[in-house]
Protein backbone atom coordinates (compact mmCIF):
# COMPACT_ATOMS: atom_id res chain seq x y z
CA MET A 1 103.40 129.96 74.85
CA VAL A 2 101.68 128.86 78.06
CA VAL A 3 99.34 126.55 76.12
CA LEU A 4 102.28 125.11 74.17
CA ILE A 5 104.20 124.36 77.39
CA LYS A 6 101.14 122.60 78.85
CA ILE A 7 100.66 120.55 75.65
CA LEU A 8 104.33 119.53 75.54
CA GLN A 9 104.27 118.44 79.19
CA PHE A 10 101.05 116.50 78.62
CA LEU A 11 102.40 114.71 75.53
CA LEU A 12 105.72 113.88 77.20
CA ALA A 13 103.97 112.48 80.30
CA LEU A 14 101.52 110.53 78.13
CA SER A 15 104.36 109.12 76.02
CA ILE A 16 106.22 107.93 79.13
CA LEU A 17 103.09 106.34 80.61
CA ILE A 18 102.04 104.56 77.42
CA PHE A 19 105.57 103.37 76.66
CA VAL A 20 106.01 101.94 80.17
CA HIS A 21 102.55 100.32 80.12
CA GLU A 22 103.05 98.66 76.74
CA LEU A 23 106.61 97.70 77.67
CA GLY A 24 105.12 95.65 80.51
CA HIS A 25 102.97 93.64 78.08
CA PHE A 26 105.89 93.35 75.66
CA LEU A 27 108.44 92.04 78.17
CA ALA A 28 105.98 89.56 79.67
CA ALA A 29 105.01 88.28 76.22
CA LYS A 30 108.66 87.87 75.21
CA ALA A 31 109.41 86.09 78.50
CA PHE A 32 106.81 83.43 77.60
CA LYS A 33 108.00 83.24 73.96
CA THR A 34 104.84 84.86 72.65
CA ARG A 35 105.26 86.66 69.34
CA VAL A 36 104.72 90.44 69.43
CA GLU A 37 104.07 91.62 65.90
CA LYS A 38 104.06 95.39 66.56
CA PHE A 39 105.19 97.64 69.39
CA TYR A 40 104.03 101.22 68.81
CA LEU A 41 104.07 104.50 70.65
CA PHE A 42 100.99 106.43 69.46
CA PHE A 43 98.55 105.07 66.87
CA ASP A 44 99.53 104.39 63.25
CA TRP A 45 96.16 104.38 61.51
CA GLY A 46 97.02 104.27 57.81
CA PHE A 47 100.66 105.29 58.19
CA SER A 48 103.39 105.88 60.72
CA ILE A 49 106.01 108.58 61.33
CA PHE A 50 108.75 106.02 61.92
CA ARG A 51 109.10 102.25 61.91
CA CYS A 52 111.87 99.69 62.01
CA LYS A 53 112.13 95.92 61.85
CA LYS A 54 114.80 93.26 61.59
CA VAL A 55 114.52 91.52 58.19
CA ASN A 56 116.95 88.75 57.22
CA GLY A 57 119.27 89.74 60.04
CA GLN A 58 119.41 93.42 59.06
CA TRP A 59 117.56 96.36 60.63
CA ARG A 60 115.43 98.24 58.12
CA PHE A 61 113.92 101.67 58.68
CA LYS A 62 111.07 103.62 57.11
CA PHE A 63 109.82 107.17 57.69
CA PHE A 64 106.34 108.52 56.95
CA ALA A 65 105.37 105.26 55.26
CA LYS A 66 102.04 103.54 54.76
CA ASN A 67 101.36 100.47 56.89
CA GLU A 68 102.77 97.21 55.63
CA PRO A 69 100.41 94.84 53.79
CA GLU A 70 99.05 91.90 55.79
CA LYS A 71 100.29 88.32 55.49
CA TYR A 72 96.81 87.21 54.47
CA THR A 73 94.64 87.48 51.37
CA VAL A 74 90.94 88.16 51.83
CA THR A 75 88.26 86.40 49.75
CA GLU A 76 84.57 87.26 50.08
CA TYR A 77 81.92 84.59 49.61
CA LYS A 78 78.31 83.83 50.54
CA ASP A 79 77.47 81.07 52.98
CA ALA A 80 74.54 78.65 52.72
CA ALA A 81 72.21 81.31 54.12
CA GLY A 82 73.32 83.83 51.52
CA LYS A 83 75.19 85.94 54.07
CA LYS A 84 78.47 87.56 53.04
CA GLN A 85 81.54 86.10 54.74
CA LYS A 86 85.28 86.68 54.52
CA LYS A 87 87.91 84.01 54.16
CA TYR A 88 91.48 84.76 55.20
CA GLU A 89 94.27 82.73 53.62
CA PRO A 90 97.96 83.11 54.55
CA ILE A 91 100.42 84.27 51.92
CA ASP A 92 103.38 82.04 51.11
CA VAL A 93 106.06 84.46 52.35
CA SER A 94 108.82 82.44 50.71
CA THR A 95 107.63 83.80 47.35
CA LEU A 96 108.06 87.41 48.47
CA PRO A 97 111.19 89.52 47.76
CA GLU A 98 114.10 89.11 50.18
CA ASP A 99 113.64 92.61 51.64
CA ASP A 100 109.85 92.31 52.10
CA TRP A 101 109.03 92.91 55.78
CA ARG A 102 106.43 90.16 55.74
CA ARG A 103 109.22 87.55 55.48
CA SER A 104 110.30 88.42 59.04
CA ASP A 105 108.63 87.25 62.25
CA GLU A 106 110.49 89.86 64.28
CA THR A 107 108.67 92.68 66.10
CA GLU A 108 108.00 95.88 64.18
CA TYR A 109 108.76 98.96 66.30
CA GLY A 110 107.35 102.34 65.44
CA ILE A 111 105.91 105.75 66.27
CA GLY A 112 102.43 106.51 64.99
CA TRP A 113 101.07 109.88 63.95
CA PHE A 114 98.14 110.16 66.42
CA PRO A 115 99.78 111.10 69.75
CA LEU A 116 97.21 109.86 72.25
CA GLY A 117 98.04 106.26 73.02
CA GLY A 118 100.06 103.28 71.88
CA TYR A 119 99.79 99.51 71.65
CA ASN A 120 101.32 96.05 71.32
CA LYS A 121 99.92 93.75 68.67
CA ILE A 122 100.36 90.33 70.24
CA ALA A 123 99.92 87.36 67.91
CA GLY A 124 96.82 85.25 68.52
CA MET A 125 95.07 87.74 70.78
CA VAL A 126 91.64 89.33 70.32
CA ASP A 127 92.28 92.99 71.07
CA GLU A 128 91.25 96.46 69.95
CA SER A 129 92.82 95.88 66.51
CA MET A 130 90.01 93.35 65.84
CA ASP A 131 92.35 91.44 63.49
CA LYS A 132 90.21 88.42 62.59
CA SER A 133 92.53 87.05 59.91
CA GLN A 134 94.98 85.39 62.26
CA MET A 135 92.24 84.05 64.52
CA GLN A 136 90.77 82.04 61.63
CA GLN A 137 93.99 80.08 61.25
CA PRO A 138 94.96 77.05 63.38
CA PRO A 139 96.57 78.10 66.72
CA GLN A 140 100.34 78.24 66.70
CA PRO A 141 102.58 77.52 69.73
CA TRP A 142 103.99 81.08 69.66
CA GLU A 143 100.53 82.70 69.83
CA PHE A 144 98.90 84.24 72.88
CA ARG A 145 95.86 81.97 72.63
CA SER A 146 98.08 78.87 72.83
CA LYS A 147 99.70 79.84 76.12
CA PRO A 148 98.49 78.56 79.52
CA ALA A 149 95.96 80.79 81.28
CA TRP A 150 98.40 81.78 84.01
CA GLN A 151 100.92 83.02 81.43
CA ARG A 152 98.24 85.00 79.59
CA PHE A 153 97.16 86.46 82.94
CA ILE A 154 100.71 87.69 83.64
CA ILE A 155 101.02 89.16 80.13
CA MET A 156 97.78 91.10 80.59
CA ILE A 157 98.44 92.39 84.10
CA ALA A 158 102.04 93.38 83.33
CA GLY A 159 101.02 96.76 81.87
CA VAL A 160 99.17 97.81 85.02
CA PHE A 161 102.05 96.49 87.15
CA MET A 162 104.55 98.61 85.21
CA ASN A 163 102.47 101.77 85.71
CA VAL A 164 102.34 101.17 89.46
CA LEU A 165 106.07 100.43 89.44
CA LEU A 166 106.74 103.68 87.56
CA ALA A 167 104.84 105.71 90.17
CA PHE A 168 106.74 103.90 92.93
CA ILE A 169 110.12 104.70 91.32
CA ILE A 170 109.18 108.36 90.76
CA TYR A 171 108.08 108.76 94.38
CA ILE A 172 111.32 107.20 95.63
CA GLY A 173 113.29 109.66 93.51
CA LEU A 174 111.25 112.68 94.63
CA LEU A 175 111.38 111.75 98.30
CA THR A 176 115.14 111.17 98.13
CA LYS A 177 115.82 114.44 96.30
CA GLU A 178 113.24 116.79 97.84
CA GLY A 179 111.85 115.08 100.91
CA GLU A 180 108.22 115.66 101.83
CA GLN A 181 106.79 119.02 102.84
CA TYR A 182 103.29 119.77 104.06
CA LEU A 183 101.35 122.39 105.98
CA PRO A 184 100.25 121.02 109.38
CA THR A 185 96.64 121.58 110.36
CA ALA A 186 97.89 122.94 113.70
CA GLU A 187 99.68 125.73 111.81
CA VAL A 188 96.53 126.65 109.85
CA ASN A 189 94.67 126.88 113.14
CA LYS A 190 96.77 129.92 114.07
CA TYR A 191 94.53 132.03 111.82
CA GLY A 192 91.71 129.59 111.11
CA ILE A 193 90.20 128.62 107.77
CA SER A 194 88.59 130.62 104.98
CA VAL A 195 85.36 129.22 103.51
CA ASP A 196 83.49 129.73 100.27
CA SER A 197 79.71 130.07 99.90
CA LEU A 198 79.12 126.29 99.78
CA ALA A 199 81.13 125.60 102.94
CA TYR A 200 79.26 128.50 104.56
CA GLU A 201 75.95 126.81 103.69
CA PHE A 202 77.21 123.65 105.37
CA GLY A 203 77.74 125.64 108.57
CA LEU A 204 81.47 126.38 108.47
CA ARG A 205 82.67 129.93 109.13
CA ASP A 206 85.77 131.99 108.43
CA GLY A 207 88.15 131.58 111.34
CA ASP A 208 87.01 128.10 112.33
CA LYS A 209 89.84 125.84 113.48
CA ILE A 210 89.40 122.28 112.23
CA LEU A 211 89.89 119.72 114.97
CA ALA A 212 88.70 116.51 113.31
CA VAL A 213 86.76 114.99 110.41
CA ASP A 214 84.40 112.24 111.57
CA GLY A 215 86.38 112.13 114.80
CA GLU A 216 89.78 111.74 113.09
CA TYR A 217 92.50 114.37 113.37
CA ILE A 218 94.24 114.98 110.04
CA GLU A 219 97.83 116.15 110.32
CA ASN A 220 98.25 117.37 106.73
CA PHE A 221 95.82 120.25 106.08
CA SER A 222 95.82 119.72 102.29
CA GLU A 223 94.35 116.22 102.79
CA ILE A 224 91.24 117.49 104.62
CA PRO A 225 89.13 118.38 101.51
CA MET A 226 89.80 115.00 99.87
CA GLN A 227 89.17 113.21 103.15
CA ILE A 228 85.76 114.86 103.37
CA ILE A 229 84.94 113.84 99.79
CA LEU A 230 86.47 110.37 99.51
CA GLU A 231 85.37 109.17 102.94
CA LYS A 232 81.92 110.77 102.56
CA ALA A 233 82.36 112.58 105.85
CA GLN A 234 79.30 113.27 107.96
CA THR A 235 80.72 115.61 110.59
CA ILE A 236 83.48 118.20 110.95
CA GLU A 237 84.56 119.21 114.45
CA VAL A 238 85.83 122.80 114.75
CA GLU A 239 86.83 125.28 117.39
CA ARG A 240 84.88 128.53 117.06
CA ASP A 241 85.29 131.48 119.43
CA GLY A 242 87.01 129.21 121.94
CA LYS A 243 84.26 126.58 121.92
CA ASP A 244 84.17 123.17 120.24
CA THR A 245 81.40 122.85 117.66
CA THR A 246 80.31 119.89 115.52
CA ILE A 247 79.13 120.65 111.98
CA VAL A 248 76.79 117.99 110.62
CA LEU A 249 77.06 117.90 106.84
CA PRO A 250 73.83 117.56 104.79
CA ASP A 251 72.99 114.26 103.10
CA ASP A 252 73.74 115.71 99.66
CA ALA A 253 77.03 117.34 100.71
CA LEU A 254 79.08 114.99 98.54
CA THR A 255 76.99 115.72 95.44
CA GLN A 256 77.30 119.46 96.02
CA LEU A 257 81.05 119.28 96.59
CA LEU A 258 81.60 117.21 93.47
CA SER A 259 79.62 119.72 91.39
CA LYS A 260 82.23 122.39 92.15
CA GLN A 261 84.83 123.02 89.46
CA ASP A 262 87.54 123.20 92.13
CA GLY A 263 88.03 121.66 95.55
CA ASN A 264 88.78 124.92 97.36
CA PHE A 265 85.67 125.03 99.52
CA ILE A 266 87.99 125.52 102.49
CA SER A 267 91.46 127.05 102.55
CA PHE A 268 93.85 128.66 105.01
CA ARG A 269 93.70 132.35 105.94
CA VAL A 270 96.71 134.68 105.83
CA PRO A 271 97.19 138.39 106.55
CA PHE A 272 97.63 140.52 103.43
CA GLN A 273 101.29 141.40 103.79
CA VAL A 274 102.57 143.04 100.61
CA ALA A 275 105.54 141.34 98.95
CA SER A 276 105.83 143.78 96.05
CA VAL A 277 103.85 146.48 94.25
CA VAL A 278 103.23 146.52 90.50
CA GLU A 279 104.62 149.52 88.64
CA ASN A 280 102.07 152.10 87.44
CA SER A 281 99.36 150.43 89.50
CA PRO A 282 96.78 152.05 91.81
CA GLY A 283 98.78 150.67 94.74
CA GLN A 284 101.99 152.39 93.63
CA ALA A 285 100.15 155.64 92.93
CA GLY A 286 98.63 155.51 96.42
CA GLY A 287 101.99 154.99 98.14
CA LEU A 288 101.67 151.28 99.00
CA GLN A 289 105.02 149.77 99.97
CA GLU A 290 106.58 146.36 100.37
CA GLY A 291 105.99 145.07 103.90
CA ASP A 292 102.70 146.95 104.41
CA VAL A 293 99.90 144.88 105.92
CA ILE A 294 96.48 145.72 104.46
CA ILE A 295 93.72 145.63 107.09
CA GLY A 296 90.79 147.45 105.50
CA ILE A 297 89.03 149.08 102.54
CA ASN A 298 87.20 152.29 103.45
CA ASP A 299 85.12 151.32 106.50
CA ILE A 300 85.31 147.53 105.81
CA GLU A 301 87.77 145.54 107.91
CA THR A 302 89.84 143.07 105.89
CA PRO A 303 92.26 141.50 108.40
CA TYR A 304 93.03 138.65 105.99
CA TYR A 305 93.91 138.42 102.33
CA GLN A 306 90.75 136.42 101.60
CA ASP A 307 88.61 139.20 103.11
CA PHE A 308 90.30 141.75 100.89
CA VAL A 309 89.72 139.67 97.72
CA LYS A 310 86.03 139.18 98.59
CA ASN A 311 85.42 142.92 98.98
CA ILE A 312 87.69 144.74 96.52
CA LYS A 313 85.74 143.87 93.35
CA GLN A 314 82.78 146.04 94.36
CA TYR A 315 84.95 149.14 93.98
CA LYS A 316 85.76 148.91 90.27
CA ASN A 317 86.29 152.39 88.74
CA LYS A 318 85.95 154.02 92.17
CA ASP A 319 88.08 155.97 94.63
CA ILE A 320 88.91 154.09 97.83
CA ASP A 321 91.01 154.37 100.96
CA VAL A 322 93.16 151.34 101.70
CA ILE A 323 94.04 151.05 105.38
CA VAL A 324 97.46 149.58 106.08
CA LEU A 325 99.77 148.88 108.99
CA ARG A 326 103.29 150.15 108.41
CA GLY A 327 105.40 149.37 111.41
CA ALA A 328 103.57 150.90 114.39
CA ASP A 329 101.57 153.32 112.20
CA THR A 330 98.09 152.93 110.68
CA LEU A 331 97.82 154.76 107.34
CA ASP A 332 94.98 155.59 104.94
CA LEU A 333 96.21 155.33 101.34
CA PRO A 334 93.89 156.88 98.71
CA MET A 335 93.66 154.96 95.42
CA HIS A 336 91.57 154.98 92.26
CA LEU A 337 90.72 151.51 90.92
CA GLY A 338 90.37 150.74 87.25
CA GLU A 339 88.07 148.36 85.41
CA GLU A 340 89.91 145.28 86.74
CA GLY A 341 89.23 146.19 90.36
CA VAL A 342 92.79 145.41 91.56
CA ILE A 343 95.36 147.50 93.43
CA GLY A 344 98.43 145.80 91.97
CA ALA A 345 100.01 144.17 95.02
CA TYR A 346 101.45 140.69 95.47
CA LEU A 347 100.93 138.63 98.62
CA ALA A 348 103.98 137.59 100.64
CA PRO A 349 104.91 133.86 100.40
CA ILE A 350 102.81 131.50 102.52
CA SER A 351 105.98 130.50 104.38
CA THR A 352 105.99 134.06 105.81
CA PHE A 353 102.99 133.14 107.96
CA TYR A 354 103.19 129.38 108.41
CA GLU A 355 105.93 126.93 109.31
CA PHE A 356 105.83 123.95 106.98
CA GLU A 357 106.72 120.48 108.18
CA THR A 358 109.57 118.95 106.20
CA LYS A 359 110.83 115.38 106.34
CA ASP A 360 114.02 114.36 104.56
CA TYR A 361 114.71 110.80 103.40
CA THR A 362 117.79 108.83 102.53
CA PHE A 363 117.44 106.59 99.49
CA PHE A 364 116.77 103.53 101.65
CA GLU A 365 114.26 105.42 103.82
CA ALA A 366 112.49 106.59 100.66
CA ILE A 367 111.77 103.01 99.52
CA PRO A 368 109.15 102.12 102.18
CA ALA A 369 107.88 105.72 102.16
CA GLY A 370 107.48 105.58 98.36
CA PHE A 371 105.71 102.23 98.64
CA SER A 372 103.29 103.66 101.21
CA LYS A 373 102.64 106.78 99.14
CA THR A 374 102.04 104.77 95.97
CA PHE A 375 99.43 102.54 97.55
CA LYS A 376 97.75 105.44 99.34
CA GLU A 377 97.39 107.19 95.97
CA LEU A 378 96.06 103.97 94.44
CA GLY A 379 93.45 103.67 97.18
CA ASP A 380 92.41 107.31 96.90
CA TYR A 381 92.06 107.16 93.12
CA TRP A 382 90.06 103.95 93.32
CA LYS A 383 87.64 105.73 95.66
CA GLN A 384 87.32 108.54 93.13
CA VAL A 385 86.52 106.06 90.35
CA LYS A 386 83.81 104.47 92.49
CA LEU A 387 82.24 107.91 92.92
CA ILE A 388 82.18 108.35 89.13
CA PHE A 389 80.21 105.12 88.68
CA SER A 390 77.73 106.06 91.42
CA PRO A 391 74.77 107.87 89.74
CA LYS A 392 73.67 109.31 93.09
CA THR A 393 76.79 111.49 93.39
CA LYS A 394 76.58 112.76 89.79
CA ALA A 395 80.38 112.70 89.79
CA TYR A 396 80.26 111.61 86.13
CA GLU A 397 79.24 115.18 85.27
CA ASN A 398 82.67 116.38 86.36
CA VAL A 399 84.80 113.75 84.64
CA GLY A 400 87.46 115.43 82.52
CA GLY A 401 89.21 114.41 79.34
CA PHE A 402 92.39 115.48 77.59
CA ILE A 403 91.74 119.20 78.13
CA SER A 404 91.30 118.73 81.87
CA ILE A 405 94.43 116.59 82.09
CA GLY A 406 96.41 119.18 80.14
CA LYS A 407 95.24 121.97 82.45
CA ILE A 408 96.69 120.36 85.57
CA PHE A 409 100.22 120.91 84.27
CA PRO A 410 101.85 124.20 85.36
CA ASP A 411 102.27 127.23 83.08
CA THR A 412 106.07 126.97 83.29
CA TRP A 413 108.24 123.88 82.97
CA ASP A 414 108.81 122.58 86.50
CA TRP A 415 110.47 119.15 86.52
CA SER A 416 109.48 118.43 90.11
CA MET A 417 105.82 119.12 89.40
CA PHE A 418 106.05 117.29 86.07
CA TRP A 419 107.23 114.08 87.75
CA ARG A 420 104.64 114.39 90.51
CA LEU A 421 101.87 114.69 87.93
CA THR A 422 103.35 111.87 85.85
CA ALA A 423 103.32 109.60 88.92
CA PHE A 424 99.70 110.54 89.64
CA LEU A 425 98.64 109.94 86.00
CA SER A 426 100.50 106.61 86.01
CA ILE A 427 98.41 105.51 88.98
CA ALA A 428 95.26 106.80 87.28
CA LEU A 429 96.11 104.83 84.13
CA ALA A 430 96.72 101.69 86.18
CA VAL A 431 93.37 101.98 87.99
CA MET A 432 91.40 102.76 84.82
CA ASN A 433 93.02 99.88 82.93
CA ILE A 434 92.23 97.37 85.66
CA LEU A 435 88.50 98.11 85.45
CA PRO A 436 86.65 94.92 84.40
CA ILE A 437 85.55 96.33 81.04
CA PRO A 438 86.20 94.33 77.85
CA ALA A 439 88.77 96.11 75.63
CA LEU A 440 90.65 97.19 78.76
CA ASP A 441 93.26 95.02 80.44
CA GLY A 442 90.85 94.49 83.32
CA GLY A 443 88.30 92.87 81.00
CA HIS A 444 90.86 90.37 79.70
CA ILE A 445 92.06 89.71 83.26
CA LEU A 446 88.47 89.06 84.41
CA PHE A 447 87.91 86.49 81.65
CA LEU A 448 91.24 84.84 82.43
CA LEU A 449 90.37 84.57 86.11
CA ILE A 450 87.05 82.94 85.16
CA GLU A 451 88.95 80.56 82.88
CA ILE A 452 91.44 79.67 85.61
CA ILE A 453 88.61 78.98 88.08
CA THR A 454 86.23 77.13 85.72
CA ARG A 455 88.94 75.66 83.47
CA ARG A 456 86.81 76.62 80.49
CA LYS A 457 88.21 79.02 77.90
CA PRO A 458 85.81 81.55 76.30
CA SER A 459 85.47 81.06 72.56
CA ASP A 460 87.17 83.44 70.12
CA LYS A 461 83.71 84.52 68.91
CA PHE A 462 82.68 85.43 72.46
CA MET A 463 85.88 87.41 72.91
CA GLU A 464 85.28 89.29 69.64
CA VAL A 465 81.76 90.27 70.76
CA ALA A 466 83.00 91.21 74.24
CA GLU A 467 85.80 93.29 72.72
CA THR A 468 83.29 95.14 70.52
CA VAL A 469 81.02 95.85 73.49
CA GLY A 470 84.02 96.99 75.52
CA LEU A 471 85.18 99.34 72.77
CA ILE A 472 81.71 100.91 72.69
CA ILE A 473 81.78 101.41 76.47
CA VAL A 474 85.30 102.88 76.39
CA LEU A 475 84.37 105.14 73.47
CA GLY A 476 81.32 106.30 75.45
CA LEU A 477 83.50 107.14 78.45
CA VAL A 478 85.95 109.06 76.23
CA ILE A 479 83.08 111.02 74.67
CA LEU A 480 81.62 111.74 78.12
CA ALA A 481 84.94 112.96 79.54
CA ASN A 482 85.92 115.12 76.58
CA GLY A 483 82.33 116.28 76.07
CA ASN A 484 82.36 117.61 79.64
CA ASP A 485 85.56 119.48 78.79
CA VAL A 486 83.96 121.10 75.75
CA ILE A 487 80.83 122.08 77.69
CA ARG A 488 82.95 123.68 80.42
CA LEU A 489 84.78 125.75 77.80
CA PHE A 490 81.53 127.50 76.91
CA LYS A 491 80.29 128.03 80.47
């Protein structure tokens, strides 16, 4: 059930993102009277689940039908050099039956069967469909290729614009409804940080209080790990045992951090105050109660939850004494651990120990705040993409595909988290699409900018070759990302 919930959230988010992206291209094309032949959610290779089109003034619908035949006939022949060529000739649609869809120049709308994408088929445009038949005919005024460069530029950038706009709208809604809550670094410094083995190698220690990263104080504690990574931090200033200390990170710190499967190399410490005890668990058998504060295992002091977790696993299938504070009393509770090495106790909510900072927004206050948040996320994601394309960081080894994206969704349906993740993925889609790679919007935009500057339009043949190269690059990136996912499954 958990996997199904994750898949459903992923597919719904993907559907929203693709629909909004393609709607941007569609609306811009229609605004400039450019014919859009097909508007599809998901891919319809061979057949579609649903399609509709206006034919002779009437809407017609089809379900689970094969794709419609083309408006062109194909004739093969050999040129003067003996090489096989194809000749595309348009069909005289006036000879077709009245209800034949090919008689209509209206847009065909549909839902494909492969649920990982979607597309617009814009007339007179060299795109991933690689439809050469239309490109061999004389340009028509309603085709993409016949429009001025500035109009084609707007049509191509409209998809990215709509994804950014979607994130902006989602953030406005979330800020208006829920406000913004974060854990201040000053609050974390009450108990200090907890570090993993990698952070320990860098010189950080449990209990350190972070003062600054490269001389900059960071108010929101959750932003510190990403600040260290994205800004390629060189120093971390901490307070340790009442003294200020500067930790100089090694030259390969970024590479080592990116090689981790999670970003939790530092976290906040909390006392292990028991919220509840699992029935029929070692904790219940030993007399552990709600409200107890665990401070040790046998002769090992564990003043914080993280200390307890680090040490408890060594006592699998053994008898232990768990030392707890109960009111003013210190008690030794005997327990026998099973194979899992757990006592069966839940930690009290983080809000028990820390005071979160909350800022509420009216709708009008949320507009500039949403704008700021959107462009901060855009900047941060762009920095992440640059790391991926830097061989020195080896960040490409940690790129994830559909499995990784699906995993970020929660195990239960949480609309607030769903919209937060949808906004993030919308920004990610915008950034990835604007990359100057042929077959992506960014590739088309790059060629259009060159055309606007030089006033020379690339030939259709050049665009076909560029599109093919771009598709190979994109396919390689997809294989890399999803290949990494598969490899991680077997680690």
